[in-house]
Amino acid sequence: MFRMWGKIFKKNRMITDTVICVDNDLNRTRKVYQALEEMCYEFDLPKPLWLESNKQDFIRSSKTRFTRDSFIEEIDFDYLEIQVIEE
């Protein structure tokens, strides 16, 4: 089972979080994209853009932060952090 934890932070405080479970035969990359899509749906957010810094952070530590630069629409929080917690 693949699980990804998503947290929204505002003023250095976590205001909400969720854990998304993906249980299918997709490869890791597709599981990450599917979990992020479900997370954004649950939080009622637009899907963020993967900037080069996000890709490098995620490859290095299975964790990244999406700041205002990653969203096309205006957001009312500081950043969305995702982290793989189980593969």
N, C-alpha and C. Protein backbone atom coordinates (compact mmCIF):
# COMPACT_ATOMS: atom_id res chain seq x y z
N MET A 1 0.83 -1.18 0.00
CA MET A 1 0.00 0.00 0.00
C MET A 1 0.89 1.25 0.00
N PHE A 2 0.49 2.22 -0.77
CA PHE A 2 1.20 3.49 -0.89
C PHE A 2 0.40 4.55 -0.14
N ARG A 3 1.06 5.26 0.78
CA ARG A 3 0.38 6.31 1.53
C ARG A 3 1.17 7.60 1.44
N MET A 4 0.46 8.70 1.22
CA MET A 4 1.09 10.02 1.14
C MET A 4 0.36 10.97 2.08
N TRP A 5 1.14 11.73 2.84
CA TRP A 5 0.60 12.66 3.83
C TRP A 5 0.68 14.06 3.24
N GLY A 6 -0.42 14.76 3.27
CA GLY A 6 -0.47 16.14 2.79
C GLY A 6 -0.84 17.08 3.92
N LYS A 7 -0.10 18.19 4.03
CA LYS A 7 -0.34 19.15 5.10
C LYS A 7 -0.36 20.56 4.52
N ILE A 8 -1.28 21.37 5.01
CA ILE A 8 -1.34 22.77 4.61
C ILE A 8 -0.91 23.62 5.79
N PHE A 9 0.04 24.54 5.53
CA PHE A 9 0.59 25.40 6.57
C PHE A 9 0.28 26.86 6.29
N LYS A 10 -0.03 27.58 7.36
CA LYS A 10 -0.22 29.02 7.29
C LYS A 10 0.40 29.63 8.54
N LYS A 11 1.28 30.59 8.35
CA LYS A 11 1.99 31.24 9.46
C LYS A 11 2.70 30.21 10.35
N ASN A 12 3.39 29.27 9.72
CA ASN A 12 4.16 28.23 10.38
C ASN A 12 3.34 27.30 11.27
N ARG A 13 2.05 27.20 11.00
CA ARG A 13 1.19 26.27 11.73
C ARG A 13 0.42 25.41 10.75
N MET A 14 0.33 24.13 11.09
CA MET A 14 -0.43 23.23 10.23
C MET A 14 -1.91 23.49 10.47
N ILE A 15 -2.63 23.84 9.41
CA ILE A 15 -4.05 24.13 9.58
C ILE A 15 -4.94 22.95 9.20
N THR A 16 -4.44 22.07 8.35
CA THR A 16 -5.19 20.86 8.01
C THR A 16 -4.23 19.83 7.41
N ASP A 17 -4.62 18.57 7.49
CA ASP A 17 -3.81 17.51 6.90
C ASP A 17 -4.70 16.35 6.50
N THR A 18 -4.15 15.47 5.69
CA THR A 18 -4.85 14.27 5.26
C THR A 18 -3.83 13.22 4.83
N VAL A 19 -4.23 11.98 4.89
CA VAL A 19 -3.42 10.87 4.39
C VAL A 19 -4.21 10.20 3.27
N ILE A 20 -3.57 10.08 2.11
CA ILE A 20 -4.20 9.45 0.95
C ILE A 20 -3.55 8.09 0.73
N CYS A 21 -4.38 7.06 0.61
CA CYS A 21 -3.90 5.70 0.35
C CYS A 21 -4.21 5.34 -1.10
N VAL A 22 -3.21 4.83 -1.79
CA VAL A 22 -3.38 4.37 -3.17
C VAL A 22 -3.03 2.89 -3.17
N ASP A 23 -3.99 2.07 -3.56
CA ASP A 23 -3.78 0.63 -3.52
C ASP A 23 -4.08 0.04 -4.89
N ASN A 24 -3.15 0.21 -5.83
CA ASN A 24 -3.30 -0.36 -7.16
C ASN A 24 -1.92 -0.72 -7.71
N ASP A 25 -1.87 -1.15 -8.95
CA ASP A 25 -0.63 -1.66 -9.53
C ASP A 25 0.11 -0.63 -10.38
N LEU A 26 -0.12 0.64 -10.14
CA LEU A 26 0.59 1.68 -10.89
C LEU A 26 2.04 1.78 -10.43
N ASN A 27 2.87 2.41 -11.25
CA ASN A 27 4.25 2.64 -10.80
C ASN A 27 4.26 3.78 -9.79
N ARG A 28 5.40 4.01 -9.14
CA ARG A 28 5.49 4.98 -8.05
C ARG A 28 5.11 6.39 -8.50
N THR A 29 5.58 6.81 -9.64
CA THR A 29 5.30 8.16 -10.13
C THR A 29 3.80 8.37 -10.31
N ARG A 30 3.14 7.41 -10.90
CA ARG A 30 1.69 7.53 -11.11
C ARG A 30 0.93 7.51 -9.79
N LYS A 31 1.43 6.75 -8.82
CA LYS A 31 0.80 6.74 -7.50
C LYS A 31 0.93 8.11 -6.84
N VAL A 32 2.08 8.74 -6.99
CA VAL A 32 2.28 10.07 -6.42
C VAL A 32 1.32 11.06 -7.05
N TYR A 33 1.22 11.05 -8.38
CA TYR A 33 0.31 11.96 -9.08
C TYR A 33 -1.15 11.70 -8.70
N GLN A 34 -1.53 10.43 -8.58
CA GLN A 34 -2.90 10.10 -8.21
C GLN A 34 -3.19 10.57 -6.78
N ALA A 35 -2.27 10.33 -5.86
CA ALA A 35 -2.46 10.76 -4.47
C ALA A 35 -2.54 12.29 -4.38
N LEU A 36 -1.70 12.99 -5.13
CA LEU A 36 -1.72 14.45 -5.12
C LEU A 36 -3.05 14.97 -5.69
N GLU A 37 -3.54 14.34 -6.73
CA GLU A 37 -4.83 14.74 -7.32
C GLU A 37 -5.97 14.54 -6.32
N GLU A 38 -5.99 13.39 -5.64
CA GLU A 38 -7.02 13.13 -4.63
C GLU A 38 -6.91 14.10 -3.46
N MET A 39 -5.69 14.42 -3.08
CA MET A 39 -5.44 15.36 -2.00
C MET A 39 -5.97 16.75 -2.34
N CYS A 40 -5.68 17.20 -3.55
CA CYS A 40 -6.14 18.52 -3.99
C CYS A 40 -7.67 18.55 -4.06
N TYR A 41 -8.27 17.45 -4.48
CA TYR A 41 -9.74 17.38 -4.51
C TYR A 41 -10.30 17.49 -3.09
N GLU A 42 -9.68 16.77 -2.15
CA GLU A 42 -10.15 16.79 -0.76
C GLU A 42 -9.98 18.18 -0.13
N PHE A 43 -8.87 18.85 -0.42
CA PHE A 43 -8.61 20.19 0.11
C PHE A 43 -9.29 21.29 -0.72
N ASP A 44 -9.91 20.93 -1.84
CA ASP A 44 -10.53 21.89 -2.76
C ASP A 44 -9.49 22.90 -3.27
N LEU A 45 -8.38 22.36 -3.79
CA LEU A 45 -7.28 23.16 -4.32
C LEU A 45 -7.05 22.85 -5.79
N PRO A 46 -6.49 23.81 -6.53
CA PRO A 46 -6.03 23.49 -7.89
C PRO A 46 -4.77 22.63 -7.78
N LYS A 47 -4.51 21.82 -8.79
CA LYS A 47 -3.30 21.01 -8.77
C LYS A 47 -2.08 21.92 -8.94
N PRO A 48 -1.05 21.72 -8.12
CA PRO A 48 0.15 22.56 -8.23
C PRO A 48 1.03 22.11 -9.40
N LEU A 49 1.86 23.02 -9.85
CA LEU A 49 2.85 22.72 -10.88
C LEU A 49 4.10 22.18 -10.21
N TRP A 50 4.70 21.16 -10.82
CA TRP A 50 5.95 20.61 -10.31
C TRP A 50 7.10 21.43 -10.86
N LEU A 51 7.67 22.30 -10.05
CA LEU A 51 8.84 23.06 -10.45
C LEU A 51 10.08 22.18 -10.28
N GLU A 52 11.18 22.59 -10.86
CA GLU A 52 12.41 21.79 -10.78
C GLU A 52 12.83 21.57 -9.33
N SER A 53 12.68 22.58 -8.50
CA SER A 53 13.05 22.44 -7.08
C SER A 53 12.17 21.40 -6.38
N ASN A 54 10.88 21.34 -6.75
CA ASN A 54 10.00 20.33 -6.17
C ASN A 54 10.44 18.92 -6.58
N LYS A 55 10.77 18.77 -7.85
CA LYS A 55 11.21 17.46 -8.34
C LYS A 55 12.47 17.00 -7.61
N GLN A 56 13.44 17.89 -7.48
CA GLN A 56 14.70 17.51 -6.83
C GLN A 56 14.50 17.18 -5.35
N ASP A 57 13.70 17.98 -4.64
CA ASP A 57 13.39 17.68 -3.24
C ASP A 57 12.71 16.34 -3.09
N PHE A 58 11.75 16.07 -3.97
CA PHE A 58 10.99 14.83 -3.87
C PHE A 58 11.86 13.62 -4.18
N ILE A 59 12.73 13.74 -5.17
CA ILE A 59 13.64 12.63 -5.50
C ILE A 59 14.58 12.35 -4.34
N ARG A 60 15.07 13.42 -3.72
CA ARG A 60 16.05 13.29 -2.64
C ARG A 60 15.44 12.74 -1.34
N SER A 61 14.25 13.22 -0.97
CA SER A 61 13.74 12.88 0.35
C SER A 61 12.29 12.40 0.40
N SER A 62 11.66 12.16 -0.74
CA SER A 62 10.25 11.75 -0.83
C SER A 62 9.33 12.76 -0.13
N LYS A 63 9.73 14.02 -0.19
CA LYS A 63 8.99 15.09 0.48
C LYS A 63 9.24 16.39 -0.28
N THR A 64 8.20 17.23 -0.43
CA THR A 64 8.39 18.53 -1.06
C THR A 64 7.31 19.49 -0.61
N ARG A 65 7.57 20.78 -0.84
CA ARG A 65 6.62 21.85 -0.50
C ARG A 65 6.23 22.60 -1.76
N PHE A 66 4.94 22.80 -1.91
CA PHE A 66 4.43 23.60 -3.02
C PHE A 66 4.04 24.97 -2.45
N THR A 67 4.77 26.00 -2.84
CA THR A 67 4.50 27.35 -2.37
C THR A 67 3.60 28.07 -3.38
N ARG A 68 3.39 29.35 -3.16
CA ARG A 68 2.53 30.15 -4.05
C ARG A 68 3.00 30.10 -5.50
N ASP A 69 4.30 29.96 -5.71
CA ASP A 69 4.84 29.90 -7.07
C ASP A 69 4.36 28.68 -7.85
N SER A 70 3.96 27.64 -7.15
CA SER A 70 3.54 26.41 -7.80
C SER A 70 2.07 26.40 -8.20
N PHE A 71 1.32 27.39 -7.75
CA PHE A 71 -0.11 27.44 -8.05
C PHE A 71 -0.41 28.58 -9.01
N ILE A 72 -1.27 28.33 -9.96
CA ILE A 72 -1.67 29.36 -10.91
C ILE A 72 -2.67 30.30 -10.24
N GLU A 73 -3.61 29.73 -9.49
CA GLU A 73 -4.61 30.53 -8.79
C GLU A 73 -4.04 31.02 -7.45
N GLU A 74 -4.68 32.03 -6.91
CA GLU A 74 -4.29 32.58 -5.61
C GLU A 74 -4.64 31.57 -4.51
N ILE A 75 -3.76 31.40 -3.53
CA ILE A 75 -4.01 30.49 -2.41
C ILE A 75 -4.00 31.29 -1.11
N ASP A 76 -4.72 30.81 -0.10
CA ASP A 76 -4.81 31.53 1.17
C ASP A 76 -4.01 30.86 2.29
N PHE A 77 -2.92 30.20 1.92
CA PHE A 77 -2.02 29.58 2.89
C PHE A 77 -0.60 29.76 2.38
N ASP A 78 0.38 29.37 3.21
CA ASP A 78 1.78 29.57 2.85
C ASP A 78 2.31 28.47 1.93
N TYR A 79 2.04 27.22 2.27
CA TYR A 79 2.49 26.13 1.41
C TYR A 79 1.76 24.83 1.69
N LEU A 80 1.78 23.95 0.70
CA LEU A 80 1.26 22.59 0.80
C LEU A 80 2.48 21.66 0.81
N GLU A 81 2.58 20.84 1.82
CA GLU A 81 3.71 19.90 1.92
C GLU A 81 3.18 18.48 1.74
N ILE A 82 3.86 17.72 0.89
CA ILE A 82 3.50 16.31 0.71
C ILE A 82 4.69 15.45 1.09
N GLN A 83 4.39 14.27 1.61
CA GLN A 83 5.45 13.35 2.04
C GLN A 83 4.95 11.92 1.91
N VAL A 84 5.76 11.08 1.29
CA VAL A 84 5.44 9.65 1.21
C VAL A 84 5.76 9.04 2.56
N ILE A 85 4.78 8.37 3.16
CA ILE A 85 5.01 7.78 4.47
C ILE A 85 5.04 6.25 4.44
N GLU A 86 4.59 5.66 3.33
CA GLU A 86 4.66 4.20 3.22
C GLU A 86 4.60 3.80 1.76
N GLU A 87 5.46 2.86 1.40
CA GLU A 87 5.45 2.35 0.01
C GLU A 87 5.27 0.86 0.04
